[in-house]
């Protein structure tokens, strides 16, 4: 699965927004500077996030954006879906009976990639913006990765 910059930048920006502005609006220019994301790109993303009811805008002096949902209830999957980023690992169109092969049938590994897409969505649905801010994301996968790296180094 390839998550484009649209989904990654939207998540980065909203984690920044939540971390910096729970009480007052945050200017997109500030997020753009801190996260090194183009301001014009952020404006496009936040228009989609506003339409998706993920953020709300505040006009006027001291204006900017605020979360429309508390950080502990805003799931990462919701952010990605709000910017129209599909969470899928197959080449096929979701829900289509036609497959990705030239003869319109599904490839032999279709179910594998379809289930991977489901697992990614389930994981991203289980993580909130608050989890990311408070470092509650890395679970046993990080431990397993670090252990396998240590095992490789020890074997050399």
Protein backbone atom coordinates (compact mmCIF):
# COMPACT_ATOMS: atom_id res chain seq x y z
CA UNK A 1 0.00 0.00 0.00
CA UNK A 2 1.24 3.45 -0.82
CA UNK A 3 0.00 6.31 1.31
CA UNK A 4 0.48 9.52 -0.64
CA UNK A 5 1.70 12.82 0.75
CA UNK A 6 -1.92 13.95 0.90
CA UNK A 7 -2.75 11.49 3.68
CA UNK A 8 0.59 11.77 5.47
CA UNK A 9 0.62 15.56 5.44
CA UNK A 10 -2.99 15.76 6.60
CA UNK A 11 -2.16 13.57 9.61
CA UNK A 12 1.03 15.53 10.36
CA UNK A 13 -0.84 18.84 10.20
CA UNK A 14 -3.69 17.69 12.43
CA UNK A 15 -1.37 16.23 15.04
CA UNK A 16 0.46 19.56 15.04
CA UNK A 17 -2.84 21.44 15.26
CA UNK A 18 -4.00 19.34 18.19
CA UNK A 19 -0.67 19.65 19.99
CA UNK A 20 -0.46 23.42 19.57
CA UNK A 21 -4.00 24.67 19.76
CA UNK A 22 -6.54 23.00 21.96
CA UNK A 23 -7.88 26.35 23.24
CA UNK A 24 -7.29 28.79 20.40
CA UNK A 25 -7.16 28.65 16.61
CA UNK A 26 -3.86 27.85 14.91
CA UNK A 27 -2.77 29.58 11.70
CA UNK A 28 -1.96 27.34 8.76
CA UNK A 29 1.23 29.35 8.18
CA UNK A 30 2.47 28.24 11.61
CA UNK A 31 1.72 24.58 10.87
CA UNK A 32 3.35 24.90 7.44
CA UNK A 33 6.51 26.32 9.00
CA UNK A 34 6.76 23.76 11.82
CA UNK A 35 6.02 20.73 9.62
CA UNK A 36 7.81 21.99 6.49
CA UNK A 37 4.71 21.63 4.31
CA UNK A 38 3.76 24.08 1.57
CA UNK A 39 1.15 26.57 2.78
CA UNK A 40 -0.82 26.33 -0.46
CA UNK A 41 -0.89 22.53 -0.15
CA UNK A 42 -2.11 22.82 3.45
CA UNK A 43 -4.86 25.20 2.34
CA UNK A 44 -6.10 22.58 -0.12
CA UNK A 45 -5.98 19.83 2.52
CA UNK A 46 -7.74 21.93 5.15
CA UNK A 47 -10.55 22.78 2.72
CA UNK A 48 -11.21 19.03 2.45
CA UNK A 49 -10.80 18.51 6.20
CA UNK A 50 -13.31 21.30 6.85
CA UNK A 51 -15.82 19.78 4.41
CA UNK A 52 -15.26 16.45 6.18
CA UNK A 53 -16.09 18.07 9.55
CA UNK A 54 -12.64 17.23 10.93
CA UNK A 55 -11.66 20.88 11.51
CA UNK A 56 -13.47 24.18 11.82
CA UNK A 57 -12.19 27.57 10.77
CA UNK A 58 -12.20 30.77 12.80
CA UNK A 59 -12.10 34.01 10.83
CA UNK A 60 -10.60 37.35 11.76
CA UNK A 61 -7.57 38.47 13.72
CA UNK A 62 -6.17 35.55 15.67
CA UNK A 63 -8.13 33.21 13.43
CA UNK A 64 -7.08 29.88 12.05
CA UNK A 65 -8.22 26.31 12.51
CA UNK A 66 -9.31 24.16 15.41
CA UNK A 67 -10.23 20.51 15.63
CA UNK A 68 -13.96 19.92 15.21
CA UNK A 69 -13.62 16.66 17.16
CA UNK A 70 -11.66 16.17 20.40
CA UNK A 71 -8.18 14.73 19.75
CA UNK A 72 -8.99 11.63 21.81
CA UNK A 73 -11.92 10.88 19.48
CA UNK A 74 -10.35 11.80 16.14
CA UNK A 75 -9.12 8.62 14.47
CA UNK A 76 -6.23 8.67 12.01
CA UNK A 77 -8.39 6.78 9.49
CA UNK A 78 -10.96 9.60 9.62
CA UNK A 79 -8.31 12.14 8.66
CA UNK A 80 -7.04 10.06 5.75
CA UNK A 81 -10.54 9.38 4.48
CA UNK A 82 -11.48 13.09 4.77
CA UNK A 83 -8.75 14.02 2.27
CA UNK A 84 -9.97 11.33 -0.14
CA UNK A 85 -7.01 9.05 0.42
CA UNK A 86 -8.08 5.45 -0.22
CA UNK A 87 -6.75 2.86 2.19
CA UNK A 88 -6.20 -0.08 -0.10
CA UNK A 89 -3.42 -2.33 -1.23
CA UNK A 90 -5.09 -3.86 -4.30
CA UNK A 91 -4.95 -2.57 -7.84
CA UNK A 92 -8.69 -3.24 -8.18
CA UNK A 93 -11.39 -0.69 -7.50
CA UNK A 94 -13.00 -1.29 -4.10
CA UNK A 95 -16.31 -3.15 -4.34
CA UNK A 96 -15.95 -3.79 -8.05
CA UNK A 97 -16.56 -7.34 -9.24
CA UNK A 98 -14.00 -6.73 -11.99
CA UNK A 99 -10.40 -7.50 -11.24
CA UNK A 100 -7.15 -5.87 -12.19
CA UNK A 101 -6.06 -8.47 -14.75
CA UNK A 102 -6.37 -7.84 -18.51
CA UNK A 103 -9.25 -10.35 -18.69
CA UNK A 104 -11.05 -8.47 -15.85
CA UNK A 105 -10.59 -11.24 -13.28
CA UNK A 106 -8.99 -10.77 -9.90
CA UNK A 107 -5.35 -11.65 -9.52
CA UNK A 108 -4.37 -14.75 -7.55
CA UNK A 109 -3.25 -12.63 -4.56
CA UNK A 110 -6.31 -10.33 -4.49
CA UNK A 111 -7.65 -11.63 -1.16
CA UNK A 112 -4.24 -11.22 0.48
CA UNK A 113 -4.02 -7.53 -0.50
CA UNK A 114 -7.67 -6.92 0.26
CA UNK A 115 -7.19 -8.25 3.80
CA UNK A 116 -4.04 -6.16 4.20
CA UNK A 117 -6.11 -3.09 3.30
CA UNK A 118 -8.69 -4.10 5.91
CA UNK A 119 -6.01 -4.56 8.57
CA UNK A 120 -4.44 -1.18 7.79
CA UNK A 121 -7.84 0.49 8.05
CA UNK A 122 -8.57 -1.30 11.35
CA UNK A 123 -5.22 -0.22 12.76
CA UNK A 124 -5.60 3.40 11.66
CA UNK A 125 -9.12 3.35 13.09
CA UNK A 126 -7.75 2.24 16.45
CA UNK A 127 -5.26 5.11 16.74
CA UNK A 128 -6.37 8.63 17.69
CA UNK A 129 -4.60 11.94 17.28
CA UNK A 130 -4.25 11.98 21.07
CA UNK A 131 -2.47 8.60 20.91
CA UNK A 132 0.09 10.04 18.48
CA UNK A 133 0.64 13.19 20.55
CA UNK A 134 1.18 11.17 23.71
CA UNK A 135 3.43 8.52 22.15
CA UNK A 136 0.98 5.64 22.53
CA UNK A 137 1.45 4.35 19.00
CA UNK A 138 4.48 2.10 19.03
CA UNK A 139 3.41 -1.25 20.36
CA UNK A 140 4.94 -4.66 20.11
CA UNK A 141 5.85 -4.17 16.45
CA UNK A 142 8.64 -1.79 17.49
CA UNK A 143 9.87 -4.23 20.10
CA UNK A 144 9.88 -7.08 17.61
CA UNK A 145 11.66 -4.92 15.02
CA UNK A 146 14.34 -3.79 17.47
CA UNK A 147 14.84 -7.37 18.68
CA UNK A 148 15.21 -8.72 15.13
CA UNK A 149 17.73 -5.94 14.40
CA UNK A 150 19.68 -6.86 17.56
CA UNK A 151 19.56 -10.55 16.62
CA UNK A 152 20.97 -9.75 13.16
CA UNK A 153 23.79 -7.67 14.64
CA UNK A 154 24.61 -10.40 17.20
CA UNK A 155 24.70 -13.05 14.44
CA UNK A 156 27.27 -11.09 12.46
